[in-house]
C-alpha atoms as a PDB file:
ATOM      1  CA  MET A   1      18.318  61.162 120.235  1.00  0.00           C
ATOM      2  CA  SER A   2      18.900  60.811 123.835  1.00  0.00           C
ATOM      3  CA  LYS A   3      17.017  58.705 126.208  1.00  0.00           C
ATOM      4  CA  LYS A   4      15.945  61.457 128.221  1.00  0.00           C
ATOM      5  CA  LEU A   5      14.659  63.664 125.298  1.00  0.00           C
ATOM      6  CA  SER A   6      13.296  60.699 123.804  1.00  0.00           C
ATOM      7  CA  GLN A   7      11.317  59.977 127.081  1.00  0.00           C
ATOM      8  CA  SER A   8       9.883  63.472 127.004  1.00  0.00           C
ATOM      9  CA  VAL A   9       8.732  63.411 123.428  1.00  0.00           C
ATOM     10  CA  ASP A  10       6.996  60.021 124.207  1.00  0.00           C
ATOM     11  CA  ILE A  11       5.341  61.891 127.107  1.00  0.00           C
ATOM     12  CA  SER A  12       4.563  64.570 125.009  1.00  0.00           C
ATOM     13  CA  ILE A  13       2.849  62.901 122.346  1.00  0.00           C
ATOM     14  CA  TYR A  14       1.018  60.750 125.271  1.00  0.00           C
ATOM     15  CA  LEU A  15      -0.405  63.743 126.841  1.00  0.00           C
ATOM     16  CA  GLU A  16      -1.594  64.989 123.284  1.00  0.00           C
ATOM     17  CA  LYS A  17      -3.209  61.617 122.485  1.00  0.00           C
ATOM     18  CA  LYS A  18      -4.491  60.836 125.927  1.00  0.00           C
ATOM     19  CA  PHE A  19      -5.657  64.003 127.330  1.00  0.00           C
ATOM     20  CA  SER A  20      -5.666  66.163 124.236  1.00  0.00           C
ATOM     21  CA  VAL A  21      -3.249  68.567 125.352  1.00  0.00           C
ATOM     22  CA  SER A  22      -1.803  70.999 122.947  1.00  0.00           C
ATOM     23  CA  SER A  23       2.009  71.413 123.092  1.00  0.00           C
ATOM     24  CA  LEU A  24       1.594  74.743 124.175  1.00  0.00           C
ATOM     25  CA  THR A  25      -0.552  73.602 127.191  1.00  0.00           C
ATOM     26  CA  ARG A  26       1.595  70.494 128.376  1.00  0.00           C
ATOM     27  CA  THR A  27       2.747  70.676 132.210  1.00  0.00           C
ATOM     28  CA  ILE A  28       6.162  69.064 131.357  1.00  0.00           C
ATOM     29  CA  ILE A  29       9.505  71.193 132.256  1.00  0.00           C
ATOM     30  CA  ILE A  30      12.574  70.023 131.025  1.00  0.00           C
ATOM     31  CA  GLU A  31      15.436  70.896 133.396  1.00  0.00           C
ATOM     32  CA  LYS A  32      19.017  70.125 132.994  1.00  0.00           C
ATOM     33  CA  GLY A  33      18.132  66.851 131.053  1.00  0.00           C
ATOM     34  CA  GLU A  34      15.768  65.943 133.874  1.00  0.00           C
ATOM     35  CA  ILE A  35      11.867  65.819 133.433  1.00  0.00           C
ATOM     36  CA  MET A  36       9.437  67.374 136.058  1.00  0.00           C
ATOM     37  CA  ALA A  37       6.228  66.897 135.943  1.00  0.00           C
ATOM     38  CA  SER A  38       3.144  69.023 137.391  1.00  0.00           C
ATOM     39  CA  SER A  39       3.175  66.480 139.927  1.00  0.00           C
ATOM     40  CA  ASN A  40       6.397  67.845 141.406  1.00  0.00           C
ATOM     41  CA  ILE A  41       4.814  71.207 141.832  1.00  0.00           C
ATOM     42  CA  ASN A  42       4.553  72.318 145.385  1.00  0.00           C
ATOM     43  CA  ILE A  43       0.883  72.875 146.008  1.00  0.00           C
ATOM     44  CA  LEU A  44       1.286  74.266 149.324  1.00  0.00           C
ATOM     45  CA  GLY A  45       3.897  76.440 147.782  1.00  0.00           C
ATOM     46  CA  ILE A  46       1.379  78.076 146.087  1.00  0.00           C
ATOM     47  CA  ILE A  47      -0.700  78.712 149.031  1.00  0.00           C
ATOM     48  CA  GLY A  48       2.463  80.552 150.504  1.00  0.00           C
ATOM     49  CA  ILE A  49       2.680  82.998 147.413  1.00  0.00           C
ATOM     50  CA  VAL A  50      -0.809  83.354 147.656  1.00  0.00           C
ATOM     51  CA  GLY A  51      -0.125  84.378 151.126  1.00  0.00           C
ATOM     52  CA  ALA A  52       2.793  86.871 150.064  1.00  0.00           C
ATOM     53  CA  ILE A  53       0.353  88.514 147.725  1.00  0.00           C
ATOM     54  CA  LEU A  54      -2.321  88.916 150.562  1.00  0.00           C
ATOM     55  CA  MET A  55       0.443  90.780 152.182  1.00  0.00           C
ATOM     56  CA  ILE A  56       1.361  93.133 149.478  1.00  0.00           C
ATOM     57  CA  VAL A  57      -2.484  93.409 148.718  1.00  0.00           C
ATOM     58  CA  GLY A  58      -3.130  94.356 152.451  1.00  0.00           C
ATOM     59  CA  VAL A  59      -0.834  97.319 152.610  1.00  0.00           C
ATOM     60  CA  PHE A  60      -2.922  99.310 150.216  1.00  0.00           C
ATOM     61  CA  LEU A  61      -6.232  98.515 152.135  1.00  0.00           C
ATOM     62  CA  ALA A  62      -7.457 100.197 155.364  1.00  0.00           C
ATOM     63  CA  TRP A  63      -5.302  99.369 158.407  1.00  0.00           C
ATOM     64  CA  ALA A  64      -6.614 101.763 160.711  1.00  0.00           C
ATOM     65  CA  GLU A  65      -9.760 103.751 161.557  1.00  0.00           C
ATOM     66  CA  LEU A  66      -9.344 107.721 162.087  1.00  0.00           C
ATOM     67  CA  ASN A  67     -10.997 108.689 165.470  1.00  0.00           C
ATOM     68  CA  ILE A  68     -11.409 111.627 167.022  1.00  0.00           C
ATOM     69  CA  LEU A  69     -13.349 111.914 170.754  1.00  0.00           C
ATOM     70  CA  GLY A  70     -15.861 109.201 169.269  1.00  0.00           C
ATOM     71  CA  VAL A  71     -16.321 110.688 165.710  1.00  0.00           C
ATOM     72  CA  SER A  72     -15.124 108.357 162.724  1.00  0.00           C
ATOM     73  CA  LEU A  73     -13.245 110.285 160.095  1.00  0.00           C
ATOM     74  CA  GLY A  74     -12.585 107.529 157.802  1.00  0.00           C
ATOM     75  CA  THR A  75      -9.875 104.866 157.440  1.00  0.00           C
ATOM     76  CA  ILE A  76      -6.237 105.119 156.704  1.00  0.00           C
ATOM     77  CA  SER A  77      -4.258 102.503 154.763  1.00  0.00           C
ATOM     78  CA  GLY A  78      -1.161 100.987 155.890  1.00  0.00           C
ATOM     79  CA  TRP A  79       0.804 102.658 153.023  1.00  0.00           C
ATOM     80  CA  ASP A  80      -0.719 106.132 154.147  1.00  0.00           C
ATOM     81  CA  ILE A  81       0.502 105.295 157.955  1.00  0.00           C
ATOM     82  CA  PHE A  82       3.947 104.498 156.474  1.00  0.00           C
ATOM     83  CA  SER A  83       4.423 107.330 153.972  1.00  0.00           C
ATOM     84  CA  ASN A  84       2.963 110.199 156.468  1.00  0.00           C
ATOM     85  CA  SER A  85       5.253 111.593 158.898  1.00  0.00           C
ATOM     86  CA  ASP A  86       2.292 113.176 161.016  1.00  0.00           C
ATOM     87  CA  VAL A  87       1.132 109.727 161.783  1.00  0.00           C
ATOM     88  CA  GLY A  88       4.603 108.885 162.499  1.00  0.00           C
ATOM     89  CA  SER A  89       4.526 111.522 165.649  1.00  0.00           C
ATOM     90  CA  ILE A  90       1.558 109.799 167.218  1.00  0.00           C
ATOM     91  CA  VAL A  91       2.202 106.075 166.039  1.00  0.00           C
ATOM     92  CA  LYS A  92       5.001 103.646 166.613  1.00  0.00           C
ATOM     93  CA  TYR A  93       6.227 100.965 164.079  1.00  0.00           C
ATOM     94  CA  THR A  94       5.073 103.305 161.190  1.00  0.00           C
ATOM     95  CA  PHE A  95       7.585 101.021 158.974  1.00  0.00           C
ATOM     96  CA  THR A  96       5.334  98.027 159.449  1.00  0.00           C
ATOM     97  CA  PRO A  97       3.564  98.571 156.278  1.00  0.00           C
ATOM     98  CA  LEU A  98       6.727  99.152 154.481  1.00  0.00           C
ATOM     99  CA  VAL A  99       8.518  95.436 155.902  1.00  0.00           C
ATOM    100  CA  ALA A 100       5.158  94.127 154.781  1.00  0.00           C
ATOM    101  CA  LEU A 101       4.978  95.290 151.172  1.00  0.00           C
ATOM    102  CA  ILE A 102       8.911  94.379 150.778  1.00  0.00           C
ATOM    103  CA  GLY A 103       8.346  91.007 152.264  1.00  0.00           C
ATOM    104  CA  GLY A 104       5.672  90.137 150.266  1.00  0.00           C
ATOM    105  CA  ILE A 105       7.522  91.012 147.473  1.00  0.00           C
ATOM    106  CA  LEU A 106      10.834  88.970 148.311  1.00  0.00           C
ATOM    107  CA  ALA A 107       8.564  86.144 149.691  1.00  0.00           C
ATOM    108  CA  ILE A 108       7.058  85.736 146.413  1.00  0.00           C
ATOM    109  CA  VAL A 109      10.606  85.609 144.617  1.00  0.00           C
ATOM    110  CA  LEU A 110      11.667  83.350 147.295  1.00  0.00           C
ATOM    111  CA  MET A 111       8.780  80.883 147.189  1.00  0.00           C
ATOM    112  CA  VAL A 112       8.708  80.379 142.967  1.00  0.00           C
ATOM    113  CA  ILE A 113      11.767  78.158 143.094  1.00  0.00           C
ATOM    114  CA  PRO A 114      10.787  75.855 145.615  1.00  0.00           C
ATOM    115  CA  THR A 115       7.222  75.620 144.387  1.00  0.00           C
ATOM    116  CA  PHE A 116       7.812  75.322 140.522  1.00  0.00           C
ATOM    117  CA  ALA A 117      11.302  73.676 140.578  1.00  0.00           C
ATOM    118  CA  ASN A 118      10.576  71.403 143.310  1.00  0.00           C
ATOM    119  CA  THR A 119      13.310  68.533 142.159  1.00  0.00           C
ATOM    120  CA  GLU A 120      16.138  66.544 143.984  1.00  0.00           C
ATOM    121  CA  THR A 121      18.767  68.656 142.661  1.00  0.00           C
ATOM    122  CA  MET A 122      16.804  71.821 144.054  1.00  0.00           C
ATOM    123  CA  GLN A 123      16.103  70.477 147.674  1.00  0.00           C
ATOM    124  CA  LYS A 124      19.145  72.467 149.443  1.00  0.00           C
ATOM    125  CA  ALA A 125      18.212  75.448 147.589  1.00  0.00           C
ATOM    126  CA  SER A 126      14.460  74.925 148.492  1.00  0.00           C
ATOM    127  CA  ASN A 127      15.052  74.426 152.026  1.00  0.00           C
ATOM    128  CA  ILE A 128      17.221  78.048 152.417  1.00  0.00           C
ATOM    129  CA  LEU A 129      14.355  79.636 150.282  1.00  0.00           C
ATOM    130  CA  GLY A 130      11.667  78.185 152.474  1.00  0.00           C
ATOM    131  CA  ILE A 131      13.632  79.151 155.663  1.00  0.00           C
ATOM    132  CA  ILE A 132      14.348  83.046 154.261  1.00  0.00           C
ATOM    133  CA  SER A 133      10.715  83.190 153.780  1.00  0.00           C
ATOM    134  CA  ILE A 134       9.620  82.207 156.954  1.00  0.00           C
ATOM    135  CA  ILE A 135      12.005  84.606 158.805  1.00  0.00           C
ATOM    136  CA  ILE A 136      10.538  87.372 156.587  1.00  0.00           C
ATOM    137  CA  ALA A 137       6.796  86.342 157.471  1.00  0.00           C
ATOM    138  CA  ILE A 138       7.807  86.203 161.158  1.00  0.00           C
ATOM    139  CA  ALA A 139       9.184  89.613 160.672  1.00  0.00           C
ATOM    140  CA  VAL A 140       6.028  90.612 159.636  1.00  0.00           C
ATOM    141  CA  ILE A 141       3.726  89.217 162.263  1.00  0.00           C
ATOM    142  CA  VAL A 142       5.964  90.267 165.092  1.00  0.00           C
ATOM    143  CA  LEU A 143       5.849  93.946 163.704  1.00  0.00           C
ATOM    144  CA  GLY A 144       2.384  93.842 163.005  1.00  0.00           C
ATOM    145  CA  ILE A 145       1.617  92.548 166.632  1.00  0.00           C
ATOM    146  CA  LEU A 146       3.536  95.306 168.033  1.00  0.00           C
ATOM    147  CA  PHE A 147       1.668  97.862 165.721  1.00  0.00           C
ATOM    148  CA  MET A 148      -1.755  96.459 166.848  1.00  0.00           C
ATOM    149  CA  THR A 149      -0.905  96.377 170.592  1.00  0.00           C
ATOM    150  CA  GLN A 150       0.485  99.804 171.124  1.00  0.00           C
ATOM    151  CA  SER A 151      -1.610 102.200 173.226  1.00  0.00           C
ATOM    152  CA  TRP A 152      -1.369 105.917 174.358  1.00  0.00           C
ATOM    153  CA  ASP A 153      -2.905 107.832 177.173  1.00  0.00           C
ATOM    154  CA  VAL A 154      -4.852 111.044 176.197  1.00  0.00           C
ATOM    155  CA  LEU A 155      -6.358 113.218 178.475  1.00  0.00           C
ATOM    156  CA  GLY A 156      -6.251 110.579 180.840  1.00  0.00           C
ATOM    157  CA  LYS A 157      -7.826 107.782 178.913  1.00  0.00           C
ATOM    158  CA  ASN A 158      -6.081 104.747 177.667  1.00  0.00           C
ATOM    159  CA  ILE A 159      -6.527 104.541 173.825  1.00  0.00           C
ATOM    160  CA  SER A 160      -5.618 101.250 172.280  1.00  0.00           C
ATOM    161  CA  MET A 161      -4.858 100.640 168.588  1.00  0.00           C
ATOM    162  CA  MET A 162      -6.666  97.494 168.749  1.00  0.00           C
ATOM    163  CA  ASN A 163      -9.971  99.285 168.751  1.00  0.00           C
ATOM    164  CA  TYR A 164      -9.026 101.003 165.568  1.00  0.00           C
ATOM    165  CA  ILE A 165      -7.581  98.168 163.163  1.00  0.00           C
ATOM    166  CA  GLN A 166      -9.122  97.537 159.987  1.00  0.00           C
ATOM    167  CA  TYR A 167      -9.521  94.752 157.743  1.00  0.00           C
ATOM    168  CA  GLY A 168      -6.517  95.728 155.380  1.00  0.00           C
ATOM    169  CA  PHE A 169      -4.066  94.934 158.836  1.00  0.00           C
ATOM    170  CA  TRP A 170      -5.732  91.689 159.328  1.00  0.00           C
ATOM    171  CA  LEU A 171      -5.257  90.800 155.575  1.00  0.00           C
ATOM    172  CA  THR A 172      -1.576  91.414 155.876  1.00  0.00           C
ATOM    173  CA  LEU A 173      -1.189  89.481 159.108  1.00  0.00           C
ATOM    174  CA  ILE A 174      -3.189  86.502 157.458  1.00  0.00           C
ATOM    175  CA  GLY A 175      -1.346  86.743 154.387  1.00  0.00           C
ATOM    176  CA  ALA A 176       2.320  86.608 156.625  1.00  0.00           C
ATOM    177  CA  ILE A 177       0.945  83.445 158.638  1.00  0.00           C
ATOM    178  CA  ILE A 178       0.180  81.745 155.346  1.00  0.00           C
ATOM    179  CA  THR A 179       3.414  82.453 153.875  1.00  0.00           C
ATOM    180  CA  ALA A 180       5.316  81.144 156.772  1.00  0.00           C
ATOM    181  CA  ILE A 181       3.297  77.999 156.383  1.00  0.00           C
ATOM    182  CA  GLY A 182       3.965  78.061 152.805  1.00  0.00           C
ATOM    183  CA  GLY A 183       7.911  78.427 153.647  1.00  0.00           C
ATOM    184  CA  ILE A 184       7.612  75.656 156.110  1.00  0.00           C
ATOM    185  CA  MET A 185       6.074  73.091 153.422  1.00  0.00           C
ATOM    186  CA  PRO A 186       9.118  72.893 150.787  1.00  0.00           C
ATOM    187  CA  ILE A 187      11.297  71.851 154.153  1.00  0.00           C
ATOM    188  CA  ALA A 188       8.906  69.403 155.519  1.00  0.00           C
ATOM    189  CA  LYS A 189       8.404  67.895 151.841  1.00  0.00           C
ATOM    190  CA  ASN A 190      12.235  67.463 151.405  1.00  0.00           C
ATOM    191  CA  ARG A 191      12.431  65.887 154.936  1.00  0.00           C
ATOM    192  CA  MET A 192      10.047  63.600 154.435  1.00  0.00           C
ATOM    193  CA  SER A 193      11.406  62.177 151.160  1.00  0.00           C
END
């Protein structure tokens, strides 16, 4: 038996005896002959994944209030803003929810490797994936700001989208900010070590 395999078996037995951890719930991963303990998992990367999930969920929640002459007609989700062509004739940046949805899905995929495979051999890949996650998050943040700051002149009155923004939009924007922070963490952790 090789020395590394022997070490993993010894650690496995130790965990089972010391902490009553079953072989199914051990947090030891054997990757290319190296043992990666759960302490190598990037906790802040998990926060980035949570941010990406918030971006995705926020797309399907209320983004704006429908209001005509001061009468509220309900709310419209981010997905409805994107998919409804009538909204696109009035509102700019209706593709923002789609970018947030695709960006959230990509960010989850890109954050998994730096978060759970945070070994020395993966540092360069982790840095690249972290940078891509940051770029995606910044794109969602910028488009979100452009979406919420638009305004129109209707019958001589200036109407700002900011007055009608709802919780789904804010959840998406906060998710993008958290994802950007999560993308910075693999880079910062690798620079410090």
